């Protein structure tokens, strides 16, 4: 199968691993963050960390939109869903994320709320057309990859004259999150990084140019990589070479899909419908300026926050859950006392165990926590 089997060749992966071991200087530690949860899952699924030398460490980042959604916004969504006139449409990943009182969308649905899992914005639009008596709210979430479909849904609703379709917008921006990690002296000191494996799907939309400031201003190497195992291994090799050569540049390993400019048409659609929020709370990162989107005034009729007068109240995370520290790269999933005991996919205490892109879910699904337990017993 084109562009799948070729990038999962075990022999080639071992060859790249040999190059990494040969080129990584034994007296130096290399600390690279894979920002995107898709890369975290690829690393865990294919056991890529086992191929790396001990001084090349991969650190999980906050690139999971479900994981970084703050508790207060989940509270807002549940309040919306409990309204008798509202049908809340959401992706499956959000259904089991705990709210501040231990509630979740799944539990709210079981209690009678009209909550429907959808695969895309097209499903939410279809429901709005078929049930004009209902106020259909699409729980919009995601990075730059999923923002264009939401924008198109709003434009289509306007074109069709739908009066019962609304968007609860929680779209957030990747570069702003990276800035929060490297631009804050306290955060940078707690998790020193040599470079980033840049996200794949996000970069197909925004291109490579938005990452330039991290290389130029903060001296961090960035290599944009696809999600297949050879993509990730090649990106790590490219990062090692940048560090060895004293370079901090933006390189593109994922040339088969990512261009410097990105998808200009998609960017235009997003810019037409959305504008920047002054600030937005991220789980684990706190309030990050200009890191999220909201609907422009021209589309206020589709804005659930305005129509239903939503005012988010900040709510604390479960104090025993280390999801925030894991999203910042300060801790690993196995460092959380709840991981694998109280917190499992069947009984998640935090969003990192819920989402299909969450690092805790990756470690659980592919058994990486078992290896870590063995290491701790051996030590």
Protein backbone atom coordinates (compact mmCIF):
# COMPACT_ATOMS: atom_id res chain seq x y z
CA UNK A 1 0.00 0.00 0.00
CA UNK A 2 1.55 3.24 -1.12
CA UNK A 3 2.95 5.45 1.67
CA UNK A 4 2.02 3.01 4.44
CA UNK A 5 4.00 -0.21 4.15
CA UNK A 6 7.04 1.70 2.91
CA UNK A 7 7.11 3.72 6.12
CA UNK A 8 6.72 0.71 8.44
CA UNK A 9 9.75 -1.28 7.30
CA UNK A 10 11.37 -2.74 10.42
CA UNK A 11 14.79 -3.19 8.79
CA UNK A 12 14.91 0.43 7.71
CA UNK A 13 13.84 1.54 11.18
CA UNK A 14 16.76 -0.37 12.69
CA UNK A 15 19.14 1.17 10.17
CA UNK A 16 18.00 4.67 11.11
CA UNK A 17 18.31 3.71 14.79
CA UNK A 18 21.91 2.64 14.17
CA UNK A 19 22.63 6.05 12.64
CA UNK A 20 21.08 7.79 15.65
CA UNK A 21 23.20 5.72 18.05
CA UNK A 22 26.30 6.41 15.98
CA UNK A 23 25.74 10.15 15.76
CA UNK A 24 24.37 10.86 19.24
CA UNK A 25 27.32 12.00 21.33
CA UNK A 26 27.69 9.81 24.42
CA UNK A 27 28.53 12.76 26.67
CA UNK A 28 25.40 14.70 25.70
CA UNK A 29 21.71 14.33 26.53
CA UNK A 30 19.17 15.00 23.80
CA UNK A 31 15.66 15.99 24.86
CA UNK A 32 13.07 16.21 22.11
CA UNK A 33 9.35 16.81 22.53
CA UNK A 34 6.89 15.22 20.17
CA UNK A 35 4.17 17.85 20.37
CA UNK A 36 1.41 15.83 18.75
CA UNK A 37 -0.46 12.99 20.42
CA UNK A 38 -0.41 11.13 17.11
CA UNK A 39 3.38 10.91 17.37
CA UNK A 40 3.12 9.79 20.99
CA UNK A 41 0.91 6.91 19.94
CA UNK A 42 3.21 6.00 17.05
CA UNK A 43 6.22 5.93 19.39
CA UNK A 44 4.38 3.71 21.88
CA UNK A 45 2.73 1.47 19.30
CA UNK A 46 5.91 0.66 17.42
CA UNK A 47 8.24 0.65 20.43
CA UNK A 48 10.44 3.35 18.92
CA UNK A 49 11.91 4.42 22.26
CA UNK A 50 13.40 0.94 22.55
CA UNK A 51 15.44 1.66 19.43
CA UNK A 52 16.93 4.89 20.76
CA UNK A 53 20.06 5.26 22.86
CA UNK A 54 19.48 6.10 26.53
CA UNK A 55 20.66 9.69 26.09
CA UNK A 56 18.03 10.47 23.44
CA UNK A 57 14.80 11.04 25.31
CA UNK A 58 11.37 11.69 23.84
CA UNK A 59 9.06 13.89 25.93
CA UNK A 60 5.30 13.89 25.43
CA UNK A 61 3.76 17.28 24.66
CA UNK A 62 0.32 18.90 24.89
CA UNK A 63 -0.72 18.10 21.33
CA UNK A 64 -4.02 16.46 22.26
CA UNK A 65 -6.99 18.84 21.91
CA UNK A 66 -9.26 16.78 24.16
CA UNK A 67 -6.54 16.58 26.81
CA UNK A 68 -5.86 20.33 26.95
CA UNK A 69 -9.52 21.32 27.17
CA UNK A 70 -9.99 22.80 30.65
CA UNK A 71 -12.53 21.38 33.09
CA UNK A 72 -14.59 24.58 32.98
CA UNK A 73 -15.34 24.13 29.29
CA UNK A 74 -16.53 20.57 29.92
CA UNK A 75 -18.84 21.98 32.59
CA UNK A 76 -20.18 24.43 30.01
CA UNK A 77 -20.85 21.65 27.50
CA UNK A 78 -22.73 19.55 30.04
CA UNK A 79 -24.86 22.54 31.08
CA UNK A 80 -25.68 23.12 27.43
CA UNK A 81 -26.58 19.48 26.86
CA UNK A 82 -28.92 19.47 29.85
CA UNK A 83 -31.09 22.19 28.32
CA UNK A 84 -34.35 20.56 27.17
CA UNK A 85 -34.28 22.36 23.82
CA UNK A 86 -30.65 21.53 22.93
CA UNK A 87 -29.12 18.64 20.99
CA UNK A 88 -25.36 18.57 21.61
CA UNK A 89 -23.28 16.95 18.87
CA UNK A 90 -19.78 15.83 19.82
CA UNK A 91 -16.94 13.52 18.93
CA UNK A 92 -16.64 10.24 20.83
CA UNK A 93 -13.37 11.24 22.55
CA UNK A 94 -15.17 13.92 24.54
CA UNK A 95 -17.89 11.68 25.92
CA UNK A 96 -15.99 10.31 28.91
CA UNK A 97 -13.89 13.35 29.90
CA UNK A 98 -14.65 14.08 33.58
CA UNK A 99 -16.11 17.44 34.57
CA UNK A 100 -15.64 19.25 37.87
CA UNK A 101 -18.32 17.24 39.70
CA UNK A 102 -17.39 13.84 38.30
CA UNK A 103 -20.05 14.13 35.61
CA UNK A 104 -19.32 13.50 31.93
CA UNK A 105 -21.23 13.84 28.68
CA UNK A 106 -21.74 10.07 28.69
CA UNK A 107 -23.29 10.20 32.16
CA UNK A 108 -25.38 13.21 31.19
CA UNK A 109 -26.64 11.31 28.14
CA UNK A 110 -27.56 8.36 30.34
CA UNK A 111 -29.48 10.78 32.55
CA UNK A 112 -31.57 11.93 29.59
CA UNK A 113 -29.63 14.73 27.88
CA UNK A 114 -29.85 14.75 24.08
CA UNK A 115 -26.17 14.16 23.22
CA UNK A 116 -25.23 12.56 19.94
CA UNK A 117 -21.85 11.31 18.81
CA UNK A 118 -20.95 12.44 15.30
CA UNK A 119 -18.11 11.76 12.88
CA UNK A 120 -17.99 15.23 11.36
CA UNK A 121 -19.61 18.63 11.17
CA UNK A 122 -21.69 17.27 8.25
CA UNK A 123 -23.53 15.00 10.69
CA UNK A 124 -24.36 17.95 12.95
CA UNK A 125 -25.65 19.97 9.97
CA UNK A 126 -27.79 17.03 8.85
CA UNK A 127 -29.37 16.76 12.30
CA UNK A 128 -30.12 20.50 12.28
CA UNK A 129 -31.84 20.17 8.88
CA UNK A 130 -33.85 17.10 9.84
CA UNK A 131 -34.93 18.39 13.26
CA UNK A 132 -35.68 22.11 12.92
CA UNK A 133 -37.47 22.11 16.28
CA UNK A 134 -34.16 21.34 18.08
CA UNK A 135 -31.30 23.75 18.80
CA UNK A 136 -28.33 21.77 17.50
CA UNK A 137 -24.99 22.72 19.07
CA UNK A 138 -21.77 21.35 17.61
CA UNK A 139 -19.08 20.97 20.29
CA UNK A 140 -16.15 22.15 18.12
CA UNK A 141 -12.73 21.10 19.31
CA UNK A 142 -9.30 20.56 17.82
CA UNK A 143 -6.17 22.19 16.49
CA UNK A 144 -5.77 23.76 13.06
CA UNK A 145 -6.58 20.44 11.35
CA UNK A 146 -10.24 20.36 12.37
CA UNK A 147 -10.88 24.11 12.27
CA UNK A 148 -11.57 24.41 8.49
CA UNK A 149 -14.45 21.88 8.59
CA UNK A 150 -16.06 23.85 11.41
CA UNK A 151 -15.68 27.07 9.43
CA UNK A 152 -17.26 25.43 6.39
CA UNK A 153 -20.14 24.19 8.52
CA UNK A 154 -20.87 27.75 9.65
CA UNK A 155 -20.69 29.04 6.07
CA UNK A 156 -22.99 26.26 4.86
CA UNK A 157 -25.46 26.93 7.68
CA UNK A 158 -25.52 30.60 6.71
CA UNK A 159 -25.99 29.75 3.03
CA UNK A 160 -28.85 27.36 3.80
CA UNK A 161 -30.47 29.76 6.23
CA UNK A 162 -30.35 27.30 9.15
CA UNK A 163 -31.54 29.09 12.27
CA UNK A 164 -31.05 26.18 14.68
CA UNK A 165 -27.36 25.35 14.18
CA UNK A 166 -24.74 26.67 16.60
CA UNK A 167 -21.06 26.15 17.36
CA UNK A 168 -19.53 25.93 20.83
CA UNK A 169 -16.02 26.83 19.70
CA UNK A 170 -12.98 25.37 21.46
CA UNK A 171 -10.48 25.40 18.61
CA UNK A 172 -6.93 26.07 19.78
CA UNK A 173 -3.65 26.91 18.03
CA UNK A 174 -0.45 24.86 17.98
CA UNK A 175 2.21 27.63 17.71
CA UNK A 176 0.77 29.43 20.75
CA UNK A 177 1.09 26.27 22.85
CA UNK A 178 4.71 25.77 21.79
CA UNK A 179 5.38 29.41 22.67
CA UNK A 180 3.95 28.77 26.13
CA UNK A 181 6.38 25.90 26.59
CA UNK A 182 9.57 27.62 25.39
CA UNK A 183 8.77 31.30 25.95
CA UNK A 184 7.96 31.07 29.64
CA UNK A 185 11.29 30.98 31.55
CA UNK A 186 9.78 28.91 34.36
CA UNK A 187 8.32 26.34 31.99
CA UNK A 188 11.51 26.21 29.92
CA UNK A 189 13.60 25.67 33.05
CA UNK A 190 11.42 22.84 34.34
CA UNK A 191 11.47 21.00 30.99
CA UNK A 192 14.61 21.95 29.02
CA UNK A 193 14.20 20.98 25.38
CA UNK A 194 16.60 20.76 22.45
CA UNK A 195 13.92 20.56 19.79
CA UNK A 196 10.48 19.49 18.64
CA UNK A 197 9.01 16.86 16.37
CA UNK A 198 6.44 19.10 14.69
CA UNK A 199 2.88 17.91 14.07
CA UNK A 200 1.94 16.39 10.74
CA UNK A 201 -1.73 17.06 10.04
CA UNK A 202 -1.65 20.53 11.60
CA UNK A 203 1.27 21.43 9.37
CA UNK A 204 -0.57 20.40 6.21
CA UNK A 205 -2.88 23.31 7.00
CA UNK A 206 -0.56 25.98 8.44
CA UNK A 207 2.65 24.98 6.62
CA UNK A 208 6.17 25.22 8.00
CA UNK A 209 6.52 29.00 8.29
CA UNK A 210 4.75 29.47 11.67
CA UNK A 211 7.48 27.43 13.39
CA UNK A 212 10.28 29.78 12.33
CA UNK A 213 10.14 31.86 15.52
CA UNK A 214 10.93 28.83 17.69
CA UNK A 215 14.11 28.24 15.75
CA UNK A 216 15.11 31.89 15.37
CA UNK A 217 13.99 33.40 18.68
CA UNK A 218 14.28 30.47 21.07
CA UNK A 219 17.00 28.41 19.38
CA UNK A 220 14.92 25.23 19.20
CA UNK A 221 15.26 22.81 16.32
CA UNK A 222 11.98 21.79 14.68
CA UNK A 223 11.46 18.85 12.33
CA UNK A 224 7.94 18.31 11.00
CA UNK A 225 7.26 14.60 10.67
CA UNK A 226 4.58 12.21 9.50
CA UNK A 227 2.99 9.67 11.81
CA UNK A 228 4.55 6.47 10.47
CA UNK A 229 7.46 4.90 12.40
CA UNK A 230 10.08 5.71 9.76
CA UNK A 231 8.85 9.31 9.67
CA UNK A 232 9.40 9.66 13.40
CA UNK A 233 12.79 7.92 13.40
CA UNK A 234 14.06 10.05 10.51
CA UNK A 235 12.85 13.20 12.29
CA UNK A 236 14.77 12.21 15.44
CA UNK A 237 17.90 11.65 13.38
CA UNK A 238 17.47 15.07 11.77
CA UNK A 239 17.07 16.66 15.21
CA UNK A 240 20.19 14.95 16.53
CA UNK A 241 22.15 16.27 13.55
CA UNK A 242 20.86 19.81 14.08
CA UNK A 243 21.91 19.75 17.73
CA UNK A 244 25.34 18.30 16.90
CA UNK A 245 25.92 20.97 14.29
CA UNK A 246 24.73 23.80 16.53
CA UNK A 247 21.82 24.59 14.24
CA UNK A 248 18.26 25.57 15.12
CA UNK A 249 16.17 25.42 11.98
CA UNK A 250 12.77 24.30 10.74
CA UNK A 251 13.12 21.19 8.60
CA UNK A 252 10.38 19.26 6.86
CA UNK A 253 10.61 15.48 6.89
CA UNK A 254 6.97 15.18 5.82
CA UNK A 255 7.54 16.63 2.35
CA UNK A 256 4.95 14.33 0.78
CA UNK A 257 2.17 16.30 2.49
CA UNK A 258 3.50 19.54 4.01
CA UNK A 259 4.58 22.68 2.16
CA UNK A 260 6.01 25.97 3.48
CA UNK A 261 2.74 27.83 2.81
CA UNK A 262 0.33 25.07 3.87
CA UNK A 263 -3.24 24.97 2.64
CA UNK A 264 -3.87 28.60 1.76
CA UNK A 265 -7.50 28.02 0.81
CA UNK A 266 -8.27 26.39 4.17
CA UNK A 267 -6.50 29.24 5.96
CA UNK A 268 -8.69 31.71 4.11
CA UNK A 269 -11.90 29.95 5.13
CA UNK A 270 -10.80 29.90 8.76
CA UNK A 271 -9.85 33.59 8.69
CA UNK A 272 -13.24 34.47 7.24
CA UNK A 273 -15.20 32.80 10.05
CA UNK A 274 -12.92 33.00 13.09
CA UNK A 275 -10.78 35.52 14.94
CA UNK A 276 -8.32 35.23 17.82
CA UNK A 277 -9.41 35.21 21.45
CA UNK A 278 -7.36 37.45 23.72
CA UNK A 279 -6.68 34.49 25.99
CA UNK A 280 -7.83 30.92 26.56
CA UNK A 281 -7.22 28.42 29.32
CA UNK A 282 -5.33 25.21 28.50
CA UNK A 283 -5.24 22.28 30.86
CA UNK A 284 -1.66 22.09 32.15
CA UNK A 285 -0.57 25.39 30.59
CA UNK A 286 -2.98 27.84 32.18
CA UNK A 287 -4.14 30.97 30.38
CA UNK A 288 -2.32 31.29 27.06
CA UNK A 289 -2.72 34.59 25.13
CA UNK A 290 -3.97 34.51 21.54
CA UNK A 291 -4.08 30.71 21.60
CA UNK A 292 -7.66 30.01 20.55
CA UNK A 293 -10.37 31.07 18.13
CA UNK A 294 -13.89 32.45 18.39
CA UNK A 295 -16.54 33.27 15.80
CA UNK A 296 -16.43 36.72 14.26
CA UNK A 297 -19.22 39.18 14.95
CA UNK A 298 -20.62 38.56 11.46
CA UNK A 299 -21.42 34.99 12.53
CA UNK A 300 -22.74 35.77 16.01
CA UNK A 301 -26.05 34.07 15.14
CA UNK A 302 -24.19 30.74 15.11
CA UNK A 303 -22.12 31.33 18.25
CA UNK A 304 -23.38 29.15 21.10
CA UNK A 305 -21.47 31.21 23.67
CA UNK A 306 -23.45 34.32 22.73
CA UNK A 307 -26.80 32.69 22.04
CA UNK A 308 -26.83 30.70 25.30
CA UNK A 309 -24.92 33.32 27.31
CA UNK A 310 -22.07 31.02 28.32
CA UNK A 311 -19.57 32.41 30.81
CA UNK A 312 -16.92 29.84 31.64
CA UNK A 313 -16.02 29.45 35.29
CA UNK A 314 -12.54 28.02 35.87
CA UNK A 315 -12.62 24.69 37.69
CA UNK A 316 -9.69 22.76 39.18
CA UNK A 317 -8.48 19.40 37.92
CA UNK A 318 -8.65 16.30 40.07
CA UNK A 319 -5.84 17.05 42.58
CA UNK A 320 -4.55 13.49 42.40
CA UNK A 321 -4.39 13.46 38.59
CA UNK A 322 -1.06 14.41 36.98
CA UNK A 323 -2.55 15.15 33.57
CA UNK A 324 -1.39 18.78 33.64
CA UNK A 325 2.21 17.89 34.46
CA UNK A 326 2.18 15.18 31.79
CA UNK A 327 0.92 17.65 29.17
CA UNK A 328 3.76 20.03 30.09
CA UNK A 329 6.29 17.22 29.73
CA UNK A 330 7.27 17.39 33.40
CA UNK A 331 6.08 13.86 34.16
CA UNK A 332 5.40 10.61 32.36
CA UNK A 333 2.11 8.72 32.62
CA UNK A 334 3.72 6.12 34.89
CA UNK A 335 4.71 8.88 37.32
CA UNK A 336 1.05 9.42 38.19
CA UNK A 337 -0.09 7.41 41.21
CA UNK A 338 -3.52 6.95 39.65
CA UNK A 339 -2.24 5.52 36.37
CA UNK A 340 -3.19 1.89 35.88
CA UNK A 341 -4.79 1.64 39.32
CA UNK A 342 -7.72 3.97 39.88
CA UNK A 343 -7.32 5.53 36.42
CA UNK A 344 -7.87 3.18 33.48
CA UNK A 345 -9.64 3.55 30.12
CA UNK A 346 -12.76 2.06 31.72
CA UNK A 347 -12.60 4.49 34.64
CA UNK A 348 -10.62 7.58 33.53
CA UNK A 349 -9.72 10.19 36.11
CA UNK A 350 -8.28 12.61 33.55
CA UNK A 351 -8.52 13.46 29.88
CA UNK A 352 -5.07 12.03 29.07
CA UNK A 353 -6.49 8.54 29.64
CA UNK A 354 -9.67 9.26 27.69
CA UNK A 355 -8.55 10.67 24.37
CA UNK A 356 -7.32 8.52 21.51
CA UNK A 357 -4.39 10.96 21.31
CA UNK A 358 -3.70 11.09 25.05
CA UNK A 359 -0.28 9.99 26.30
CA UNK A 360 -1.74 7.97 29.19
CA UNK A 361 -4.02 6.16 26.75
CA UNK A 362 -1.01 5.43 24.52
CA UNK A 363 1.03 3.97 27.38
CA UNK A 364 -1.91 1.86 28.51
CA UNK A 365 -3.02 0.68 25.07
CA UNK A 366 0.41 -0.46 23.92
CA UNK A 367 1.62 -1.76 27.27
CA UNK A 368 4.49 0.67 27.72
CA UNK A 369 3.63 1.00 31.42
CA UNK A 370 4.48 -2.66 31.94
CA UNK A 371 8.05 -2.08 30.77
CA UNK A 372 8.34 0.93 33.09
CA UNK A 373 7.16 -1.13 36.06
CA UNK A 374 9.79 -3.73 35.28
CA UNK A 375 12.46 -1.04 35.16
CA UNK A 376 11.39 0.35 38.52
CA UNK A 377 11.44 -3.12 40.13
CA UNK A 378 14.86 -3.82 38.67
CA UNK A 379 16.26 -0.56 40.04
